[in-house]
Amino acid sequence: MRYENGQVKEENMIIEWLVKIALACGRDESFCCSQYHVFIVQGAGTQVKQYRKSQGLTQRQLAAQLGVNVATVRGWELEKNKPPIYVWELVSGLRSIEM
């Protein structure tokens, strides 16, 4: 209920629960999850790394352009941390790097 009325930000929703709900209903993760959540479930770190390499950027360069620490980018790529929604928007082409 807290998710539905917007009291919890999308990036803070517990994705594993949403996926379990979808699977319990016999549906895929997109049934309960936004495209951002599907991005996380389907390996956000790999997608961030692929995006970075396709742009010819090092982790340090991407970090500088996003205004984050290089350790943050490394953590995303190693899937130790979830990237925020603006990174999904960047990787999916919904946002340009000029943030």
PDB file of N, CA and C in Angstrom:
ATOM      1  N   MET A   1       0.823  -1.186   0.000  1.00  0.00           N
ATOM      2  CA  MET A   1       0.000   0.000   0.000  1.00  0.00           C
ATOM      3  C   MET A   1       0.872   1.257   0.000  1.00  0.00           C
ATOM      4  N   ARG A   2       1.962   1.243   0.756  1.00  0.00           N
ATOM      5  CA  ARG A   2       2.842   2.410   0.791  1.00  0.00           C
ATOM      6  C   ARG A   2       3.462   2.653  -0.580  1.00  0.00           C
ATOM      7  N   TYR A   3       3.722   1.579  -1.346  1.00  0.00           N
ATOM      8  CA  TYR A   3       4.278   1.727  -2.687  1.00  0.00           C
ATOM      9  C   TYR A   3       3.260   2.391  -3.610  1.00  0.00           C
ATOM     10  N   GLU A   4       2.005   1.937  -3.505  1.00  0.00           N
ATOM     11  CA  GLU A   4       0.967   2.407  -4.408  1.00  0.00           C
ATOM     12  C   GLU A   4       0.637   3.874  -4.217  1.00  0.00           C
ATOM     13  N   ASN A   5       0.706   4.373  -2.991  1.00  0.00           N
ATOM     14  CA  ASN A   5       0.345   5.780  -2.778  1.00  0.00           C
ATOM     15  C   ASN A   5       1.550   6.711  -2.786  1.00  0.00           C
ATOM     16  N   GLY A   6       2.701   6.211  -3.206  1.00  0.00           N
ATOM     17  CA  GLY A   6       3.859   7.057  -3.420  1.00  0.00           C
ATOM     18  C   GLY A   6       4.638   7.454  -2.181  1.00  0.00           C
ATOM     19  N   GLN A   7       4.382   6.818  -1.042  1.00  0.00           N
ATOM     20  CA  GLN A   7       5.116   7.147   0.169  1.00  0.00           C
ATOM     21  C   GLN A   7       6.538   6.605   0.145  1.00  0.00           C
ATOM     22  N   VAL A   8       6.807   5.652  -0.729  1.00  0.00           N
ATOM     23  CA  VAL A   8       8.148   5.080  -0.862  1.00  0.00           C
ATOM     24  C   VAL A   8       8.633   5.392  -2.271  1.00  0.00           C
ATOM     25  N   LYS A   9       9.829   5.989  -2.381  1.00  0.00           N
ATOM     26  CA  LYS A   9      10.378   6.286  -3.699  1.00  0.00           C
ATOM     27  C   LYS A   9      10.634   4.995  -4.453  1.00  0.00           C
ATOM     28  N   GLU A  10      10.487   5.063  -5.759  1.00  0.00           N
ATOM     29  CA  GLU A  10      10.625   3.864  -6.583  1.00  0.00           C
ATOM     30  C   GLU A  10      11.974   3.193  -6.393  1.00  0.00           C
ATOM     31  N   GLU A  11      13.059   3.967  -6.326  1.00  0.00           N
ATOM     32  CA  GLU A  11      14.372   3.342  -6.207  1.00  0.00           C
ATOM     33  C   GLU A  11      14.584   2.677  -4.847  1.00  0.00           C
ATOM     34  N   ASN A  12      13.714   2.937  -3.886  1.00  0.00           N
ATOM     35  CA  ASN A  12      13.832   2.323  -2.568  1.00  0.00           C
ATOM     36  C   ASN A  12      12.882   1.136  -2.366  1.00  0.00           C
ATOM     37  N   MET A  13      12.088   0.821  -3.380  1.00  0.00           N
ATOM     38  CA  MET A  13      11.193  -0.324  -3.263  1.00  0.00           C
ATOM     39  C   MET A  13      12.018  -1.607  -3.228  1.00  0.00           C
ATOM     40  N   ILE A  14      11.528  -2.591  -2.540  1.00  0.00           N
ATOM     41  CA  ILE A  14      12.236  -3.856  -2.423  1.00  0.00           C
ATOM     42  C   ILE A  14      11.885  -4.707  -3.638  1.00  0.00           C
ATOM     43  N   ILE A  15      12.796  -4.707  -4.582  1.00  0.00           N
ATOM     44  CA  ILE A  15      12.573  -5.334  -5.882  1.00  0.00           C
ATOM     45  C   ILE A  15      12.291  -6.818  -5.749  1.00  0.00           C
ATOM     46  N   GLU A  16      12.998  -7.473  -4.867  1.00  0.00           N
ATOM     47  CA  GLU A  16      12.815  -8.912  -4.708  1.00  0.00           C
ATOM     48  C   GLU A  16      11.366  -9.242  -4.359  1.00  0.00           C
ATOM     49  N   TRP A  17      10.739  -8.409  -3.542  1.00  0.00           N
ATOM     50  CA  TRP A  17       9.342  -8.646  -3.171  1.00  0.00           C
ATOM     51  C   TRP A  17       8.434  -8.474  -4.376  1.00  0.00           C
ATOM     52  N   LEU A  18       8.695  -7.438  -5.164  1.00  0.00           N
ATOM     53  CA  LEU A  18       7.871  -7.185  -6.333  1.00  0.00           C
ATOM     54  C   LEU A  18       7.980  -8.339  -7.342  1.00  0.00           C
ATOM     55  N   VAL A  19       9.186  -8.857  -7.514  1.00  0.00           N
ATOM     56  CA  VAL A  19       9.386  -9.988  -8.425  1.00  0.00           C
ATOM     57  C   VAL A  19       8.651 -11.212  -7.904  1.00  0.00           C
ATOM     58  N   LYS A  20       8.720 -11.472  -6.597  1.00  0.00           N
ATOM     59  CA  LYS A  20       8.016 -12.623  -6.012  1.00  0.00           C
ATOM     60  C   LYS A  20       6.509 -12.503  -6.193  1.00  0.00           C
ATOM     61  N   ILE A  21       5.985 -11.294  -6.054  1.00  0.00           N
ATOM     62  CA  ILE A  21       4.538 -11.089  -6.256  1.00  0.00           C
ATOM     63  C   ILE A  21       4.172 -11.411  -7.696  1.00  0.00           C
ATOM     64  N   ALA A  22       4.975 -10.909  -8.637  1.00  0.00           N
ATOM     65  CA  ALA A  22       4.705 -11.162 -10.056  1.00  0.00           C
ATOM     66  C   ALA A  22       4.748 -12.660 -10.362  1.00  0.00           C
ATOM     67  N   LEU A  23       5.775 -13.336  -9.870  1.00  0.00           N
ATOM     68  CA  LEU A  23       5.913 -14.770 -10.121  1.00  0.00           C
ATOM     69  C   LEU A  23       4.775 -15.564  -9.488  1.00  0.00           C
ATOM     70  N   ALA A  24       4.335 -15.133  -8.300  1.00  0.00           N
ATOM     71  CA  ALA A  24       3.219 -15.804  -7.636  1.00  0.00           C
ATOM     72  C   ALA A  24       1.930 -15.667  -8.442  1.00  0.00           C
ATOM     73  N   CYS A  25       1.845 -14.603  -9.220  1.00  0.00           N
ATOM     74  CA  CYS A  25       0.674 -14.381 -10.080  1.00  0.00           C
ATOM     75  C   CYS A  25       0.848 -15.020 -11.455  1.00  0.00           C
ATOM     76  N   GLY A  26       1.978 -15.729 -11.638  1.00  0.00           N
ATOM     77  CA  GLY A  26       2.232 -16.374 -12.910  1.00  0.00           C
ATOM     78  C   GLY A  26       2.630 -15.410 -14.017  1.00  0.00           C
ATOM     79  N   ARG A  27       3.189 -14.283 -13.653  1.00  0.00           N
ATOM     80  CA  ARG A  27       3.584 -13.256 -14.624  1.00  0.00           C
ATOM     81  C   ARG A  27       5.088 -13.020 -14.546  1.00  0.00           C
ATOM     82  N   ASP A  28       5.623 -12.281 -15.511  1.00  0.00           N
ATOM     83  CA  ASP A  28       7.035 -11.927 -15.434  1.00  0.00           C
ATOM     84  C   ASP A  28       7.186 -10.677 -14.566  1.00  0.00           C
ATOM     85  N   GLU A  29       8.442 -10.282 -14.321  1.00  0.00           N
ATOM     86  CA  GLU A  29       8.692  -9.184 -13.381  1.00  0.00           C
ATOM     87  C   GLU A  29       8.067  -7.859 -13.802  1.00  0.00           C
ATOM     88  N   SER A  30       7.829  -7.657 -15.095  1.00  0.00           N
ATOM     89  CA  SER A  30       7.256  -6.386 -15.544  1.00  0.00           C
ATOM     90  C   SER A  30       5.810  -6.201 -15.072  1.00  0.00           C
ATOM     91  N   PHE A  31       5.182  -7.275 -14.579  1.00  0.00           N
ATOM     92  CA  PHE A  31       3.819  -7.192 -14.062  1.00  0.00           C
ATOM     93  C   PHE A  31       3.755  -6.268 -12.847  1.00  0.00           C
ATOM     94  N   CYS A  32       4.727  -6.357 -11.951  1.00  0.00           N
ATOM     95  CA  CYS A  32       4.751  -5.542 -10.737  1.00  0.00           C
ATOM     96  C   CYS A  32       5.863  -4.496 -10.738  1.00  0.00           C
ATOM     97  N   CYS A  33       6.789  -4.638 -11.641  1.00  0.00           N
ATOM     98  CA  CYS A  33       7.975  -3.794 -11.620  1.00  0.00           C
ATOM     99  C   CYS A  33       7.964  -2.787 -12.759  1.00  0.00           C
ATOM    100  N   SER A  34       8.503  -1.621 -12.470  1.00  0.00           N
ATOM    101  CA  SER A  34       8.686  -0.618 -13.512  1.00  0.00           C
ATOM    102  C   SER A  34       9.867  -1.025 -14.386  1.00  0.00           C
ATOM    103  N   GLN A  35      10.090  -0.308 -15.449  1.00  0.00           N
ATOM    104  CA  GLN A  35      11.235  -0.586 -16.307  1.00  0.00           C
ATOM    105  C   GLN A  35      12.543  -0.402 -15.549  1.00  0.00           C
ATOM    106  N   TYR A  36      12.570   0.514 -14.588  1.00  0.00           N
ATOM    107  CA  TYR A  36      13.762   0.683 -13.749  1.00  0.00           C
ATOM    108  C   TYR A  36      14.039  -0.601 -12.971  1.00  0.00           C
ATOM    109  N   HIS A  37      12.993  -1.186 -12.398  1.00  0.00           N
ATOM    110  CA  HIS A  37      13.175  -2.415 -11.629  1.00  0.00           C
ATOM    111  C   HIS A  37      13.617  -3.573 -12.523  1.00  0.00           C
ATOM    112  N   VAL A  38      13.065  -3.642 -13.713  1.00  0.00           N
ATOM    113  CA  VAL A  38      13.475  -4.680 -14.653  1.00  0.00           C
ATOM    114  C   VAL A  38      14.955  -4.498 -14.980  1.00  0.00           C
ATOM    115  N   PHE A  39      15.399  -3.257 -15.153  1.00  0.00           N
ATOM    116  CA  PHE A  39      16.809  -2.932 -15.376  1.00  0.00           C
ATOM    117  C   PHE A  39      17.669  -3.502 -14.247  1.00  0.00           C
ATOM    118  N   ILE A  40      17.237  -3.334 -13.016  1.00  0.00           N
ATOM    119  CA  ILE A  40      17.973  -3.846 -11.858  1.00  0.00           C
ATOM    120  C   ILE A  40      17.983  -5.374 -11.873  1.00  0.00           C
ATOM    121  N   VAL A  41      16.819  -5.983 -12.079  1.00  0.00           N
ATOM    122  CA  VAL A  41      16.693  -7.437 -12.056  1.00  0.00           C
ATOM    123  C   VAL A  41      17.512  -8.088 -13.169  1.00  0.00           C
ATOM    124  N   GLN A  42      17.585  -7.427 -14.309  1.00  0.00           N
ATOM    125  CA  GLN A  42      18.272  -8.010 -15.462  1.00  0.00           C
ATOM    126  C   GLN A  42      19.752  -7.643 -15.531  1.00  0.00           C
ATOM    127  N   GLY A  43      20.339  -7.247 -14.415  1.00  0.00           N
ATOM    128  CA  GLY A  43      21.778  -6.998 -14.386  1.00  0.00           C
ATOM    129  C   GLY A  43      22.164  -5.573 -14.714  1.00  0.00           C
ATOM    130  N   ALA A  44      21.796  -4.661 -13.860  1.00  0.00           N
ATOM    131  CA  ALA A  44      22.101  -3.248 -14.080  1.00  0.00           C
ATOM    132  C   ALA A  44      23.594  -3.002 -14.245  1.00  0.00           C
ATOM    133  N   GLY A  45      24.406  -3.689 -13.463  1.00  0.00           N
ATOM    134  CA  GLY A  45      25.851  -3.476 -13.517  1.00  0.00           C
ATOM    135  C   GLY A  45      26.424  -3.779 -14.887  1.00  0.00           C
ATOM    136  N   THR A  46      25.982  -4.878 -15.465  1.00  0.00           N
ATOM    137  CA  THR A  46      26.445  -5.251 -16.805  1.00  0.00           C
ATOM    138  C   THR A  46      26.003  -4.212 -17.821  1.00  0.00           C
ATOM    139  N   GLN A  47      24.784  -3.732 -17.665  1.00  0.00           N
ATOM    140  CA  GLN A  47      24.267  -2.738 -18.602  1.00  0.00           C
ATOM    141  C   GLN A  47      24.998  -1.405 -18.474  1.00  0.00           C
ATOM    142  N   VAL A  48      25.324  -1.012 -17.251  1.00  0.00           N
ATOM    143  CA  VAL A  48      26.089   0.222 -17.047  1.00  0.00           C
ATOM    144  C   VAL A  48      27.462   0.085 -17.693  1.00  0.00           C
ATOM    145  N   LYS A  49      28.094  -1.053 -17.480  1.00  0.00           N
ATOM    146  CA  LYS A  49      29.428  -1.278 -18.051  1.00  0.00           C
ATOM    147  C   LYS A  49      29.372  -1.265 -19.581  1.00  0.00           C
ATOM    148  N   GLN A  50      28.375  -1.926 -20.148  1.00  0.00           N
ATOM    149  CA  GLN A  50      28.230  -1.938 -21.604  1.00  0.00           C
ATOM    150  C   GLN A  50      28.015  -0.530 -22.143  1.00  0.00           C
ATOM    151  N   TYR A  51      27.182   0.241 -21.458  1.00  0.00           N
ATOM    152  CA  TYR A  51      26.937   1.627 -21.871  1.00  0.00           C
ATOM    153  C   TYR A  51      28.243   2.420 -21.833  1.00  0.00           C
ATOM    154  N   ARG A  52      28.947   2.318 -20.714  1.00  0.00           N
ATOM    155  CA  ARG A  52      30.196   3.067 -20.541  1.00  0.00           C
ATOM    156  C   ARG A  52      31.182   2.738 -21.649  1.00  0.00           C
ATOM    157  N   LYS A  53      31.354   1.459 -21.919  1.00  0.00           N
ATOM    158  CA  LYS A  53      32.295   1.040 -22.960  1.00  0.00           C
ATOM    159  C   LYS A  53      31.836   1.482 -24.347  1.00  0.00           C
ATOM    160  N   SER A  54      30.538   1.448 -24.602  1.00  0.00           N
ATOM    161  CA  SER A  54      30.026   1.878 -25.909  1.00  0.00           C
ATOM    162  C   SER A  54      30.268   3.364 -26.143  1.00  0.00           C
ATOM    163  N   GLN A  55      30.378   4.109 -25.045  1.00  0.00           N
ATOM    164  CA  GLN A  55      30.647   5.540 -25.142  1.00  0.00           C
ATOM    165  C   GLN A  55      32.143   5.844 -25.135  1.00  0.00           C
ATOM    166  N   GLY A  56      32.964   4.790 -24.980  1.00  0.00           N
ATOM    167  CA  GLY A  56      34.414   4.968 -24.950  1.00  0.00           C
ATOM    168  C   GLY A  56      34.910   5.653 -23.691  1.00  0.00           C
ATOM    169  N   LEU A  57      34.219   5.412 -22.581  1.00  0.00           N
ATOM    170  CA  LEU A  57      34.561   6.062 -21.311  1.00  0.00           C
ATOM    171  C   LEU A  57      35.195   5.091 -20.329  1.00  0.00           C
ATOM    172  N   THR A  58      36.094   5.603 -19.514  1.00  0.00           N
ATOM    173  CA  THR A  58      36.604   4.836 -18.385  1.00  0.00           C
ATOM    174  C   THR A  58      35.622   5.018 -17.232  1.00  0.00           C
ATOM    175  N   GLN A  59      35.783   4.211 -16.199  1.00  0.00           N
ATOM    176  CA  GLN A  59      34.943   4.393 -15.011  1.00  0.00           C
ATOM    177  C   GLN A  59      35.142   5.794 -14.437  1.00  0.00           C
ATOM    178  N   ARG A  60      36.375   6.250 -14.424  1.00  0.00           N
ATOM    179  CA  ARG A  60      36.684   7.581 -13.884  1.00  0.00           C
ATOM    180  C   ARG A  60      36.001   8.690 -14.699  1.00  0.00           C
ATOM    181  N   GLN A  61      36.006   8.552 -16.028  1.00  0.00           N
ATOM    182  CA  GLN A  61      35.378   9.561 -16.871  1.00  0.00           C
ATOM    183  C   GLN A  61      33.857   9.581 -16.681  1.00  0.00           C
ATOM    184  N   LEU A  62      33.253   8.401 -16.633  1.00  0.00           N
ATOM    185  CA  LEU A  62      31.815   8.336 -16.412  1.00  0.00           C
ATOM    186  C   LEU A  62      31.467   8.928 -15.055  1.00  0.00           C
ATOM    187  N   ALA A  63      32.245   8.583 -14.048  1.00  0.00           N
ATOM    188  CA  ALA A  63      32.009   9.121 -12.702  1.00  0.00           C
ATOM    189  C   ALA A  63      32.074  10.650 -12.715  1.00  0.00           C
ATOM    190  N   ALA A  64      33.074  11.196 -13.382  1.00  0.00           N
ATOM    191  CA  ALA A  64      33.222  12.650 -13.448  1.00  0.00           C
ATOM    192  C   ALA A  64      32.026  13.288 -14.153  1.00  0.00           C
ATOM    193  N   GLN A  65      31.573  12.688 -15.226  1.00  0.00           N
ATOM    194  CA  GLN A  65      30.442  13.244 -15.969  1.00  0.00           C
ATOM    195  C   GLN A  65      29.140  13.158 -15.186  1.00  0.00           C
ATOM    196  N   LEU A  66      29.027  12.146 -14.330  1.00  0.00           N
ATOM    197  CA  LEU A  66      27.816  11.996 -13.516  1.00  0.00           C
ATOM    198  C   LEU A  66      27.919  12.707 -12.171  1.00  0.00           C
ATOM    199  N   GLY A  67      29.123  13.177 -11.835  1.00  0.00           N
ATOM    200  CA  GLY A  67      29.308  13.868 -10.559  1.00  0.00           C
ATOM    201  C   GLY A  67      29.315  12.929  -9.369  1.00  0.00           C
ATOM    202  N   VAL A  68      29.809  11.702  -9.592  1.00  0.00           N
ATOM    203  CA  VAL A  68      29.907  10.732  -8.499  1.00  0.00           C
ATOM    204  C   VAL A  68      31.347  10.257  -8.391  1.00  0.00           C
ATOM    205  N   ASN A  69      31.642   9.550  -7.332  1.00  0.00           N
ATOM    206  CA  ASN A  69      32.970   8.989  -7.109  1.00  0.00           C
ATOM    207  C   ASN A  69      33.161   7.775  -8.013  1.00  0.00           C
ATOM    208  N   VAL A  70      34.399   7.541  -8.436  1.00  0.00           N
ATOM    209  CA  VAL A  70      34.689   6.371  -9.282  1.00  0.00           C
ATOM    210  C   VAL A  70      34.326   5.069  -8.559  1.00  0.00           C
ATOM    211  N   ALA A  71      34.442   5.046  -7.251  1.00  0.00           N
ATOM    212  CA  ALA A  71      34.063   3.851  -6.482  1.00  0.00           C
ATOM    213  C   ALA A  71      32.562   3.584  -6.605  1.00  0.00           C
ATOM    214  N   THR A  72      31.791   4.623  -6.791  1.00  0.00           N
ATOM    215  CA  THR A  72      30.345   4.460  -6.980  1.00  0.00           C
ATOM    216  C   THR A  72      30.063   3.744  -8.288  1.00  0.00           C
ATOM    217  N   VAL A  73      30.716   4.183  -9.364  1.00  0.00           N
ATOM    218  CA  VAL A  73      30.547   3.521 -10.664  1.00  0.00           C
ATOM    219  C   VAL A  73      31.028   2.078 -10.582  1.00  0.00           C
ATOM    220  N   ARG A  74      32.152   1.868  -9.936  1.00  0.00           N
ATOM    221  CA  ARG A  74      32.682   0.505  -9.776  1.00  0.00           C
ATOM    222  C   ARG A  74      31.671  -0.366  -9.022  1.00  0.00           C
ATOM    223  N   GLY A  75      31.081   0.175  -7.973  1.00  0.00           N
ATOM    224  CA  GLY A  75      30.077  -0.556  -7.199  1.00  0.00           C
ATOM    225  C   GLY A  75      28.852  -0.916  -8.021  1.00  0.00           C
ATOM    226  N   TRP A  76      28.423   0.011  -8.902  1.00  0.00           N
ATOM    227  CA  TRP A  76      27.296  -0.301  -9.786  1.00  0.00           C
ATOM    228  C   TRP A  76      27.651  -1.443 -10.718  1.00  0.00           C
ATOM    229  N   GLU A  77      28.845  -1.336 -11.341  1.00  0.00           N
ATOM    230  CA  GLU A  77      29.242  -2.346 -12.324  1.00  0.00           C
ATOM    231  C   GLU A  77      29.453  -3.721 -11.696  1.00  0.00           C
ATOM    232  N   LEU A  78      29.877  -3.748 -10.453  1.00  0.00           N
ATOM    233  CA  LEU A  78      30.062  -5.021  -9.751  1.00  0.00           C
ATOM    234  C   LEU A  78      28.772  -5.495  -9.083  1.00  0.00           C
ATOM    235  N   GLU A  79      27.724  -4.718  -9.256  1.00  0.00           N
ATOM    236  CA  GLU A  79      26.400  -4.987  -8.686  1.00  0.00           C
ATOM    237  C   GLU A  79      26.423  -5.088  -7.165  1.00  0.00           C
ATOM    238  N   LYS A  80      27.286  -4.293  -6.561  1.00  0.00           N
ATOM    239  CA  LYS A  80      27.297  -4.179  -5.105  1.00  0.00           C
ATOM    240  C   LYS A  80      26.273  -3.156  -4.649  1.00  0.00           C
ATOM    241  N   ASN A  81      25.962  -2.206  -5.533  1.00  0.00           N
ATOM    242  CA  ASN A  81      24.990  -1.146  -5.255  1.00  0.00           C
ATOM    243  C   ASN A  81      24.064  -0.982  -6.453  1.00  0.00           C
ATOM    244  N   LYS A  82      22.835  -0.565  -6.178  1.00  0.00           N
ATOM    245  CA  LYS A  82      21.886  -0.299  -7.253  1.00  0.00           C
ATOM    246  C   LYS A  82      22.121   1.118  -7.774  1.00  0.00           C
ATOM    247  N   PRO A  83      22.248   1.282  -9.080  1.00  0.00           N
ATOM    248  CA  PRO A  83      22.345   2.639  -9.609  1.00  0.00           C
ATOM    249  C   PRO A  83      21.001   3.348  -9.477  1.00  0.00           C
ATOM    250  N   PRO A  84      21.018   4.664  -9.307  1.00  0.00           N
ATOM    251  CA  PRO A  84      19.759   5.401  -9.204  1.00  0.00           C
ATOM    252  C   PRO A  84      19.028   5.464 -10.552  1.00  0.00           C
ATOM    253  N   ILE A  85      17.813   5.952 -10.497  1.00  0.00           N
ATOM    254  CA  ILE A  85      16.970   5.989 -11.687  1.00  0.00           C
ATOM    255  C   ILE A  85      17.621   6.792 -12.814  1.00  0.00           C
ATOM    256  N   TYR A  86      18.308   7.882 -12.504  1.00  0.00           N
ATOM    257  CA  TYR A  86      18.893   8.687 -13.580  1.00  0.00           C
ATOM    258  C   TYR A  86      19.946   7.901 -14.363  1.00  0.00           C
ATOM    259  N   VAL A  87      20.580   6.920 -13.758  1.00  0.00           N
ATOM    260  CA  VAL A  87      21.545   6.085 -14.485  1.00  0.00           C
ATOM    261  C   VAL A  87      20.799   5.154 -15.438  1.00  0.00           C
ATOM    262  N   TRP A  88      19.679   4.582 -14.998  1.00  0.00           N
ATOM    263  CA  TRP A  88      18.856   3.770 -15.896  1.00  0.00           C
ATOM    264  C   TRP A  88      18.389   4.619 -17.081  1.00  0.00           C
ATOM    265  N   GLU A  89      17.964   5.853 -16.813  1.00  0.00           N
ATOM    266  CA  GLU A  89      17.519   6.743 -17.890  1.00  0.00           C
ATOM    267  C   GLU A  89      18.650   7.001 -18.879  1.00  0.00           C
ATOM    268  N   LEU A  90      19.859   7.161 -18.374  1.00  0.00           N
ATOM    269  CA  LEU A  90      21.024   7.386 -19.228  1.00  0.00           C
ATOM    270  C   LEU A  90      21.318   6.154 -20.081  1.00  0.00           C
ATOM    271  N   VAL A  91      21.384   5.007 -19.448  1.00  0.00           N
ATOM    272  CA  VAL A  91      21.707   3.753 -20.133  1.00  0.00           C
ATOM    273  C   VAL A  91      20.639   3.400 -21.171  1.00  0.00           C
ATOM    274  N   SER A  92      19.388   3.689 -20.851  1.00  0.00           N
ATOM    275  CA  SER A  92      18.294   3.343 -21.771  1.00  0.00           C
ATOM    276  C   SER A  92      18.050   4.412 -22.828  1.00  0.00           C
ATOM    277  N   GLY A  93      18.811   5.491 -22.792  1.00  0.00           N
ATOM    278  CA  GLY A  93      18.680   6.530 -23.812  1.00  0.00           C
ATOM    279  C   GLY A  93      17.611   7.561 -23.548  1.00  0.00           C
ATOM    280  N   LEU A  94      17.037   7.569 -22.353  1.00  0.00           N
ATOM    281  CA  LEU A  94      16.001   8.538 -22.020  1.00  0.00           C
ATOM    282  C   LEU A  94      16.572   9.871 -21.552  1.00  0.00           C
ATOM    283  N   ARG A  95      17.863   9.881 -21.268  1.00  0.00           N
ATOM    284  CA  ARG A  95      18.528  11.086 -20.762  1.00  0.00           C
ATOM    285  C   ARG A  95      19.917  11.141 -21.389  1.00  0.00           C
ATOM    286  N   SER A  96      20.391  12.345 -21.640  1.00  0.00           N
ATOM    287  CA  SER A  96      21.754  12.489 -22.159  1.00  0.00           C
ATOM    288  C   SER A  96      22.709  12.670 -20.993  1.00  0.00           C
ATOM    289  N   ILE A  97      23.978  12.572 -21.273  1.00  0.00           N
ATOM    290  CA  ILE A  97      24.986  12.639 -20.212  1.00  0.00           C
ATOM    291  C   ILE A  97      25.187  14.062 -19.693  1.00  0.00           C
ATOM    292  N   GLU A  98      24.722  15.055 -20.422  1.00  0.00           N
ATOM    293  CA  GLU A  98      24.831  16.434 -19.952  1.00  0.00           C
ATOM    294  C   GLU A  98      23.793  16.666 -18.876  1.00  0.00           C
ATOM    295  N   MET A  99      24.118  16.273 -17.645  1.00  0.00           N
ATOM    296  CA  MET A  99      23.142  16.330 -16.559  1.00  0.00           C
ATOM    297  C   MET A  99      23.270  17.616 -15.878  1.00  0.00           C
TER     298      MET A  99
END
